[in-house]
């Protein structure tokens, strides 16, 4: 989350910067219900929480996505650093 401020400071200090971001949460593309949605009327608090939680990423999914992507990101960084060393 702090990538941009850190890059600004590094560039101000004359450093070359490469920033990578890895997004590990799936997008939830369906819009949620409005407060007056008929589906919500009569639901218990537990039912309502379950209904509203559909499609939300959970901590375990985020960790698993990060582990899976780590291999690709590692290879990418190794390739970039190798090219920088060759230059």
PDB file of N, CA and C in Angstrom:
ATOM      1  N   UNK A   1       0.814  -1.200   0.000  1.00  0.00           N
ATOM      2  CA  UNK A   1       0.000   0.000   0.000  1.00  0.00           C
ATOM      3  C   UNK A   1       0.858   1.266   0.000  1.00  0.00           C
ATOM      4  N   UNK A   2       2.092   1.141   0.423  1.00  0.00           N
ATOM      5  CA  UNK A   2       2.926   2.344   0.517  1.00  0.00           C
ATOM      6  C   UNK A   2       3.867   2.479  -0.664  1.00  0.00           C
ATOM      7  N   UNK A   3       3.650   1.761  -1.729  1.00  0.00           N
ATOM      8  CA  UNK A   3       4.585   1.765  -2.855  1.00  0.00           C
ATOM      9  C   UNK A   3       4.814   3.158  -3.420  1.00  0.00           C
ATOM     10  N   UNK A   4       3.753   3.897  -3.665  1.00  0.00           N
ATOM     11  CA  UNK A   4       3.903   5.210  -4.307  1.00  0.00           C
ATOM     12  C   UNK A   4       4.712   6.184  -3.450  1.00  0.00           C
ATOM     13  N   UNK A   5       4.396   6.373  -2.169  1.00  0.00           N
ATOM     14  CA  UNK A   5       5.223   7.281  -1.370  1.00  0.00           C
ATOM     15  C   UNK A   5       6.687   6.849  -1.311  1.00  0.00           C
ATOM     16  N   UNK A   6       6.933   5.542  -1.216  1.00  0.00           N
ATOM     17  CA  UNK A   6       8.311   5.056  -1.159  1.00  0.00           C
ATOM     18  C   UNK A   6       9.040   5.321  -2.469  1.00  0.00           C
ATOM     19  N   UNK A   7       8.365   5.161  -3.581  1.00  0.00           N
ATOM     20  CA  UNK A   7       8.975   5.431  -4.885  1.00  0.00           C
ATOM     21  C   UNK A   7       9.274   6.923  -5.025  1.00  0.00           C
ATOM     22  N   UNK A   8       8.381   7.770  -4.576  1.00  0.00           N
ATOM     23  CA  UNK A   8       8.611   9.222  -4.652  1.00  0.00           C
ATOM     24  C   UNK A   8       9.867   9.602  -3.872  1.00  0.00           C
ATOM     25  N   UNK A   9      10.007   9.074  -2.662  1.00  0.00           N
ATOM     26  CA  UNK A   9      11.183   9.377  -1.838  1.00  0.00           C
ATOM     27  C   UNK A   9      12.446   8.833  -2.496  1.00  0.00           C
ATOM     28  N   UNK A  10      12.376   7.604  -3.007  1.00  0.00           N
ATOM     29  CA  UNK A  10      13.549   7.000  -3.647  1.00  0.00           C
ATOM     30  C   UNK A  10      13.964   7.799  -4.877  1.00  0.00           C
ATOM     31  N   UNK A  11      13.017   8.193  -5.712  1.00  0.00           N
ATOM     32  CA  UNK A  11      13.352   8.981  -6.910  1.00  0.00           C
ATOM     33  C   UNK A  11      13.907  10.347  -6.520  1.00  0.00           C
ATOM     34  N   UNK A  12      13.339  10.952  -5.484  1.00  0.00           N
ATOM     35  CA  UNK A  12      13.844  12.251  -4.998  1.00  0.00           C
ATOM     36  C   UNK A  12      15.295  12.112  -4.529  1.00  0.00           C
ATOM     37  N   UNK A  13      15.652  10.916  -4.052  1.00  0.00           N
ATOM     38  CA  UNK A  13      17.013  10.646  -3.598  1.00  0.00           C
ATOM     39  C   UNK A  13      17.923  10.205  -4.736  1.00  0.00           C
ATOM     40  N   UNK A  14      17.402  10.171  -5.961  1.00  0.00           N
ATOM     41  CA  UNK A  14      18.211   9.815  -7.117  1.00  0.00           C
ATOM     42  C   UNK A  14      18.319   8.320  -7.380  1.00  0.00           C
ATOM     43  N   UNK A  15      17.508   7.531  -6.707  1.00  0.00           N
ATOM     44  CA  UNK A  15      17.566   6.085  -6.889  1.00  0.00           C
ATOM     45  C   UNK A  15      16.722   5.657  -8.089  1.00  0.00           C
ATOM     46  N   UNK A  16      17.182   4.609  -8.778  1.00  0.00           N
ATOM     47  CA  UNK A  16      16.369   3.973  -9.796  1.00  0.00           C
ATOM     48  C   UNK A  16      15.423   3.022  -9.081  1.00  0.00           C
ATOM     49  N   UNK A  17      14.207   2.916  -9.560  1.00  0.00           N
ATOM     50  CA  UNK A  17      13.198   2.151  -8.852  1.00  0.00           C
ATOM     51  C   UNK A  17      12.454   1.217  -9.807  1.00  0.00           C
ATOM     52  N   UNK A  18      12.227   0.020  -9.340  1.00  0.00           N
ATOM     53  CA  UNK A  18      11.324  -0.919  -9.996  1.00  0.00           C
ATOM     54  C   UNK A  18      10.336  -1.354  -8.933  1.00  0.00           C
ATOM     55  N   UNK A  19       9.054  -1.147  -9.182  1.00  0.00           N
ATOM     56  CA  UNK A  19       8.031  -1.544  -8.214  1.00  0.00           C
ATOM     57  C   UNK A  19       7.140  -2.611  -8.835  1.00  0.00           C
ATOM     58  N   UNK A  20       6.867  -3.628  -8.064  1.00  0.00           N
ATOM     59  CA  UNK A  20       5.963  -4.690  -8.488  1.00  0.00           C
ATOM     60  C   UNK A  20       4.826  -4.776  -7.485  1.00  0.00           C
ATOM     61  N   UNK A  21       3.641  -4.994  -7.986  1.00  0.00           N
ATOM     62  CA  UNK A  21       2.488  -5.216  -7.108  1.00  0.00           C
ATOM     63  C   UNK A  21       1.864  -6.539  -7.475  1.00  0.00           C
ATOM     64  N   UNK A  22       1.423  -7.243  -6.481  1.00  0.00           N
ATOM     65  CA  UNK A  22       0.772  -8.526  -6.690  1.00  0.00           C
ATOM     66  C   UNK A  22      -0.610  -8.447  -6.062  1.00  0.00           C
ATOM     67  N   UNK A  23      -1.624  -8.583  -6.888  1.00  0.00           N
ATOM     68  CA  UNK A  23      -3.002  -8.539  -6.409  1.00  0.00           C
ATOM     69  C   UNK A  23      -3.455  -9.972  -6.166  1.00  0.00           C
ATOM     70  N   UNK A  24      -3.868 -10.256  -4.948  1.00  0.00           N
ATOM     71  CA  UNK A  24      -4.218 -11.629  -4.603  1.00  0.00           C
ATOM     72  C   UNK A  24      -5.697 -11.815  -4.280  1.00  0.00           C
ATOM     73  N   UNK A  25      -6.465 -10.751  -4.303  1.00  0.00           N
ATOM     74  CA  UNK A  25      -7.900 -10.876  -4.045  1.00  0.00           C
ATOM     75  C   UNK A  25      -8.646 -10.946  -5.369  1.00  0.00           C
ATOM     76  N   UNK A  26      -9.590 -11.871  -5.461  1.00  0.00           N
ATOM     77  CA  UNK A  26     -10.428 -11.940  -6.649  1.00  0.00           C
ATOM     78  C   UNK A  26     -11.418 -10.784  -6.628  1.00  0.00           C
ATOM     79  N   UNK A  27     -11.731 -10.285  -7.814  1.00  0.00           N
ATOM     80  CA  UNK A  27     -12.726  -9.233  -7.922  1.00  0.00           C
ATOM     81  C   UNK A  27     -14.115  -9.831  -7.720  1.00  0.00           C
ATOM     82  N   UNK A  28     -14.939  -9.135  -6.990  1.00  0.00           N
ATOM     83  CA  UNK A  28     -16.331  -9.521  -6.838  1.00  0.00           C
ATOM     84  C   UNK A  28     -17.102  -8.656  -7.818  1.00  0.00           C
ATOM     85  N   UNK A  29     -17.591  -9.280  -8.888  1.00  0.00           N
ATOM     86  CA  UNK A  29     -18.177  -8.511  -9.973  1.00  0.00           C
ATOM     87  C   UNK A  29     -19.675  -8.267  -9.825  1.00  0.00           C
ATOM     88  N   UNK A  30     -20.350  -9.047  -9.009  1.00  0.00           N
ATOM     89  CA  UNK A  30     -21.777  -8.799  -8.867  1.00  0.00           C
ATOM     90  C   UNK A  30     -22.000  -7.745  -7.795  1.00  0.00           C
ATOM     91  N   UNK A  31     -22.906  -6.839  -8.075  1.00  0.00           N
ATOM     92  CA  UNK A  31     -23.161  -5.778  -7.105  1.00  0.00           C
ATOM     93  C   UNK A  31     -23.951  -6.334  -5.933  1.00  0.00           C
ATOM     94  N   UNK A  32     -23.752  -5.736  -4.802  1.00  0.00           N
ATOM     95  CA  UNK A  32     -24.461  -6.166  -3.603  1.00  0.00           C
ATOM     96  C   UNK A  32     -25.878  -5.633  -3.586  1.00  0.00           C
ATOM     97  N   UNK A  33     -26.694  -6.156  -2.700  1.00  0.00           N
ATOM     98  CA  UNK A  33     -28.084  -5.711  -2.625  1.00  0.00           C
ATOM     99  C   UNK A  33     -28.195  -4.342  -1.978  1.00  0.00           C
ATOM    100  N   UNK A  34     -29.235  -3.626  -2.331  1.00  0.00           N
ATOM    101  CA  UNK A  34     -29.541  -2.360  -1.684  1.00  0.00           C
ATOM    102  C   UNK A  34     -30.266  -2.617  -0.375  1.00  0.00           C
ATOM    103  N   UNK A  35     -30.331  -1.635   0.459  1.00  0.00           N
ATOM    104  CA  UNK A  35     -30.970  -1.792   1.759  1.00  0.00           C
ATOM    105  C   UNK A  35     -32.449  -2.139   1.672  1.00  0.00           C
ATOM    106  N   UNK A  36     -33.092  -1.796   0.547  1.00  0.00           N
ATOM    107  CA  UNK A  36     -34.517  -2.080   0.396  1.00  0.00           C
ATOM    108  C   UNK A  36     -34.785  -3.339  -0.428  1.00  0.00           C
ATOM    109  N   UNK A  37     -33.756  -4.144  -0.674  1.00  0.00           N
ATOM    110  CA  UNK A  37     -33.882  -5.362  -1.473  1.00  0.00           C
ATOM    111  C   UNK A  37     -34.820  -6.343  -0.777  1.00  0.00           C
ATOM    112  N   UNK A  38     -35.785  -6.847  -1.505  1.00  0.00           N
ATOM    113  CA  UNK A  38     -36.768  -7.779  -0.953  1.00  0.00           C
ATOM    114  C   UNK A  38     -36.122  -9.057  -0.412  1.00  0.00           C
ATOM    115  N   UNK A  39     -34.994  -9.467  -1.016  1.00  0.00           N
ATOM    116  CA  UNK A  39     -34.308 -10.689  -0.568  1.00  0.00           C
ATOM    117  C   UNK A  39     -33.845 -10.583   0.882  1.00  0.00           C
ATOM    118  N   UNK A  40     -33.577  -9.369   1.334  1.00  0.00           N
ATOM    119  CA  UNK A  40     -33.021  -9.174   2.669  1.00  0.00           C
ATOM    120  C   UNK A  40     -34.084  -9.180   3.769  1.00  0.00           C
ATOM    121  N   UNK A  41     -35.311  -8.873   3.379  1.00  0.00           N
ATOM    122  CA  UNK A  41     -36.376  -8.766   4.382  1.00  0.00           C
ATOM    123  C   UNK A  41     -36.652 -10.126   5.004  1.00  0.00           C
ATOM    124  N   UNK A  42     -36.712 -10.148   6.298  1.00  0.00           N
ATOM    125  CA  UNK A  42     -37.039 -11.371   7.008  1.00  0.00           C
ATOM    126  C   UNK A  42     -35.852 -12.287   7.268  1.00  0.00           C
ATOM    127  N   UNK A  43     -34.663 -11.912   6.796  1.00  0.00           N
ATOM    128  CA  UNK A  43     -33.485 -12.743   7.056  1.00  0.00           C
ATOM    129  C   UNK A  43     -33.011 -12.522   8.482  1.00  0.00           C
ATOM    130  N   UNK A  44     -32.557 -13.605   9.096  1.00  0.00           N
ATOM    131  CA  UNK A  44     -31.945 -13.463  10.419  1.00  0.00           C
ATOM    132  C   UNK A  44     -30.575 -12.801  10.237  1.00  0.00           C
ATOM    133  N   UNK A  45     -29.994 -12.368  11.336  1.00  0.00           N
ATOM    134  CA  UNK A  45     -28.670 -11.737  11.264  1.00  0.00           C
ATOM    135  C   UNK A  45     -27.648 -12.700  10.672  1.00  0.00           C
ATOM    136  N   UNK A  46     -27.724 -13.968  11.064  1.00  0.00           N
ATOM    137  CA  UNK A  46     -26.804 -14.985  10.554  1.00  0.00           C
ATOM    138  C   UNK A  46     -26.991 -15.200   9.051  1.00  0.00           C
ATOM    139  N   UNK A  47     -28.245 -15.289   8.616  1.00  0.00           N
ATOM    140  CA  UNK A  47     -28.534 -15.449   7.182  1.00  0.00           C
ATOM    141  C   UNK A  47     -28.044 -14.244   6.387  1.00  0.00           C
ATOM    142  N   UNK A  48     -28.263 -13.072   6.948  1.00  0.00           N
ATOM    143  CA  UNK A  48     -27.851 -11.838   6.278  1.00  0.00           C
ATOM    144  C   UNK A  48     -26.331 -11.780   6.142  1.00  0.00           C
ATOM    145  N   UNK A  49     -25.597 -12.129   7.190  1.00  0.00           N
ATOM    146  CA  UNK A  49     -24.132 -12.144   7.125  1.00  0.00           C
ATOM    147  C   UNK A  49     -23.645 -13.122   6.068  1.00  0.00           C
ATOM    148  N   UNK A  50     -24.245 -14.295   6.019  1.00  0.00           N
ATOM    149  CA  UNK A  50     -23.880 -15.289   5.015  1.00  0.00           C
ATOM    150  C   UNK A  50     -24.169 -14.811   3.602  1.00  0.00           C
ATOM    151  N   UNK A  51     -25.323 -14.180   3.430  1.00  0.00           N
ATOM    152  CA  UNK A  51     -25.711 -13.680   2.112  1.00  0.00           C
ATOM    153  C   UNK A  51     -24.748 -12.588   1.637  1.00  0.00           C
ATOM    154  N   UNK A  52     -24.420 -11.673   2.522  1.00  0.00           N
ATOM    155  CA  UNK A  52     -23.554 -10.554   2.152  1.00  0.00           C
ATOM    156  C   UNK A  52     -22.095 -10.988   1.971  1.00  0.00           C
ATOM    157  N   UNK A  53     -21.693 -12.106   2.589  1.00  0.00           N
ATOM    158  CA  UNK A  53     -20.312 -12.569   2.505  1.00  0.00           C
ATOM    159  C   UNK A  53     -20.030 -13.342   1.215  1.00  0.00           C
ATOM    160  N   UNK A  54     -21.058 -13.669   0.446  1.00  0.00           N
ATOM    161  CA  UNK A  54     -20.849 -14.438  -0.791  1.00  0.00           C
ATOM    162  C   UNK A  54     -19.876 -13.694  -1.704  1.00  0.00           C
ATOM    163  N   UNK A  55     -18.894 -14.419  -2.207  1.00  0.00           N
ATOM    164  CA  UNK A  55     -17.952 -13.843  -3.152  1.00  0.00           C
ATOM    165  C   UNK A  55     -16.805 -13.066  -2.526  1.00  0.00           C
ATOM    166  N   UNK A  56     -16.832 -12.883  -1.219  1.00  0.00           N
ATOM    167  CA  UNK A  56     -15.741 -12.152  -0.575  1.00  0.00           C
ATOM    168  C   UNK A  56     -14.522 -13.050  -0.461  1.00  0.00           C
ATOM    169  N   UNK A  57     -13.352 -12.484  -0.673  1.00  0.00           N
ATOM    170  CA  UNK A  57     -12.114 -13.248  -0.500  1.00  0.00           C
ATOM    171  C   UNK A  57     -11.905 -13.503   0.983  1.00  0.00           C
ATOM    172  N   UNK A  58     -11.337 -14.651   1.296  1.00  0.00           N
ATOM    173  CA  UNK A  58     -10.997 -14.893   2.684  1.00  0.00           C
ATOM    174  C   UNK A  58      -9.474 -14.965   2.810  1.00  0.00           C
ATOM    175  N   UNK A  59      -9.012 -14.925   4.033  1.00  0.00           N
ATOM    176  CA  UNK A  59      -7.576 -14.850   4.298  1.00  0.00           C
ATOM    177  C   UNK A  59      -6.823 -16.032   3.680  1.00  0.00           C
ATOM    178  N   UNK A  60      -7.394 -17.215   3.791  1.00  0.00           N
ATOM    179  CA  UNK A  60      -6.730 -18.406   3.257  1.00  0.00           C
ATOM    180  C   UNK A  60      -6.576 -18.327   1.737  1.00  0.00           C
ATOM    181  N   UNK A  61      -7.612 -17.835   1.043  1.00  0.00           N
ATOM    182  CA  UNK A  61      -7.535 -17.690  -0.419  1.00  0.00           C
ATOM    183  C   UNK A  61      -6.434 -16.713  -0.813  1.00  0.00           C
ATOM    184  N   UNK A  62      -6.330 -15.622  -0.071  1.00  0.00           N
ATOM    185  CA  UNK A  62      -5.306 -14.615  -0.364  1.00  0.00           C
ATOM    186  C   UNK A  62      -3.913 -15.201  -0.159  1.00  0.00           C
ATOM    187  N   UNK A  63      -3.711 -15.924   0.931  1.00  0.00           N
ATOM    188  CA  UNK A  63      -2.406 -16.547   1.187  1.00  0.00           C
ATOM    189  C   UNK A  63      -2.059 -17.561   0.106  1.00  0.00           C
ATOM    190  N   UNK A  64      -3.022 -18.376  -0.297  1.00  0.00           N
ATOM    191  CA  UNK A  64      -2.779 -19.386  -1.323  1.00  0.00           C
ATOM    192  C   UNK A  64      -2.439 -18.728  -2.663  1.00  0.00           C
ATOM    193  N   UNK A  65      -3.151 -17.676  -3.035  1.00  0.00           N
ATOM    194  CA  UNK A  65      -2.861 -16.973  -4.280  1.00  0.00           C
ATOM    195  C   UNK A  65      -1.459 -16.376  -4.245  1.00  0.00           C
ATOM    196  N   UNK A  66      -1.054 -15.847  -3.103  1.00  0.00           N
ATOM    197  CA  UNK A  66       0.292 -15.297  -2.958  1.00  0.00           C
ATOM    198  C   UNK A  66       1.359 -16.363  -3.106  1.00  0.00           C
ATOM    199  N   UNK A  67       1.134 -17.534  -2.507  1.00  0.00           N
ATOM    200  CA  UNK A  67       2.101 -18.638  -2.617  1.00  0.00           C
ATOM    201  C   UNK A  67       2.229 -19.100  -4.060  1.00  0.00           C
ATOM    202  N   UNK A  68       1.110 -19.194  -4.761  1.00  0.00           N
ATOM    203  CA  UNK A  68       1.133 -19.640  -6.154  1.00  0.00           C
ATOM    204  C   UNK A  68       1.863 -18.631  -7.037  1.00  0.00           C
ATOM    205  N   UNK A  69       1.619 -17.363  -6.808  1.00  0.00           N
ATOM    206  CA  UNK A  69       2.225 -16.327  -7.635  1.00  0.00           C
ATOM    207  C   UNK A  69       3.691 -16.095  -7.291  1.00  0.00           C
ATOM    208  N   UNK A  70       4.121 -16.490  -6.098  1.00  0.00           N
ATOM    209  CA  UNK A  70       5.498 -16.240  -5.658  1.00  0.00           C
ATOM    210  C   UNK A  70       6.522 -16.846  -6.610  1.00  0.00           C
ATOM    211  N   UNK A  71       6.219 -18.017  -7.144  1.00  0.00           N
ATOM    212  CA  UNK A  71       7.158 -18.666  -8.060  1.00  0.00           C
ATOM    213  C   UNK A  71       7.370 -17.830  -9.319  1.00  0.00           C
ATOM    214  N   UNK A  72       6.286 -17.343  -9.878  1.00  0.00           N
ATOM    215  CA  UNK A  72       6.365 -16.526 -11.090  1.00  0.00           C
ATOM    216  C   UNK A  72       7.063 -15.199 -10.812  1.00  0.00           C
ATOM    217  N   UNK A  73       6.704 -14.568  -9.694  1.00  0.00           N
ATOM    218  CA  UNK A  73       7.304 -13.281  -9.342  1.00  0.00           C
ATOM    219  C   UNK A  73       8.803 -13.461  -9.076  1.00  0.00           C
ATOM    220  N   UNK A  74       9.184 -14.539  -8.405  1.00  0.00           N
ATOM    221  CA  UNK A  74      10.602 -14.793  -8.139  1.00  0.00           C
ATOM    222  C   UNK A  74      11.374 -14.925  -9.443  1.00  0.00           C
ATOM    223  N   UNK A  75      10.845 -15.680 -10.389  1.00  0.00           N
ATOM    224  CA  UNK A  75      11.519 -15.847 -11.680  1.00  0.00           C
ATOM    225  C   UNK A  75      11.625 -14.514 -12.415  1.00  0.00           C
ATOM    226  N   UNK A  76      10.587 -13.704 -12.334  1.00  0.00           N
ATOM    227  CA  UNK A  76      10.593 -12.387 -12.975  1.00  0.00           C
ATOM    228  C   UNK A  76      11.683 -11.496 -12.381  1.00  0.00           C
ATOM    229  N   UNK A  77      11.737 -11.440 -11.046  1.00  0.00           N
ATOM    230  CA  UNK A  77      12.745 -10.606 -10.380  1.00  0.00           C
ATOM    231  C   UNK A  77      14.146 -11.117 -10.680  1.00  0.00           C
ATOM    232  N   UNK A  78      14.356 -12.426 -10.647  1.00  0.00           N
ATOM    233  CA  UNK A  78      15.678 -12.977 -10.956  1.00  0.00           C
ATOM    234  C   UNK A  78      16.093 -12.601 -12.379  1.00  0.00           C
ATOM    235  N   UNK A  79      15.162 -12.658 -13.312  1.00  0.00           N
ATOM    236  CA  UNK A  79      15.467 -12.286 -14.687  1.00  0.00           C
ATOM    237  C   UNK A  79      15.819 -10.810 -14.825  1.00  0.00           C
ATOM    238  N   UNK A  80      15.076  -9.954 -14.155  1.00  0.00           N
ATOM    239  CA  UNK A  80      15.329  -8.511 -14.210  1.00  0.00           C
ATOM    240  C   UNK A  80      16.681  -8.183 -13.592  1.00  0.00           C
ATOM    241  N   UNK A  81      16.949  -8.747 -12.421  1.00  0.00           N
ATOM    242  CA  UNK A  81      18.227  -8.482 -11.740  1.00  0.00           C
ATOM    243  C   UNK A  81      19.380  -9.029 -12.573  1.00  0.00           C
ATOM    244  N   UNK A  82      19.195 -10.200 -13.170  1.00  0.00           N
ATOM    245  CA  UNK A  82      20.232 -10.757 -14.032  1.00  0.00           C
ATOM    246  C   UNK A  82      20.540  -9.855 -15.215  1.00  0.00           C
ATOM    247  N   UNK A  83      19.495  -9.283 -15.812  1.00  0.00           N
ATOM    248  CA  UNK A  83      19.693  -8.357 -16.939  1.00  0.00           C
ATOM    249  C   UNK A  83      20.406  -7.091 -16.475  1.00  0.00           C
ATOM    250  N   UNK A  84      20.072  -6.628 -15.278  1.00  0.00           N
ATOM    251  CA  UNK A  84      20.716  -5.408 -14.749  1.00  0.00           C
ATOM    252  C   UNK A  84      22.199  -5.675 -14.505  1.00  0.00           C
ATOM    253  N   UNK A  85      22.528  -6.844 -14.012  1.00  0.00           N
ATOM    254  CA  UNK A  85      23.922  -7.192 -13.737  1.00  0.00           C
ATOM    255  C   UNK A  85      24.722  -7.343 -15.019  1.00  0.00           C
ATOM    256  N   UNK A  86      24.049  -7.797 -16.099  1.00  0.00           N
ATOM    257  CA  UNK A  86      24.720  -7.964 -17.394  1.00  0.00           C
ATOM    258  C   UNK A  86      24.958  -6.639 -18.102  1.00  0.00           C
ATOM    259  N   UNK A  87      24.192  -5.614 -17.711  1.00  0.00           N
ATOM    260  CA  UNK A  87      24.300  -4.323 -18.419  1.00  0.00           C
ATOM    261  C   UNK A  87      25.512  -3.523 -17.990  1.00  0.00           C
TER     262      UNK A  87
END
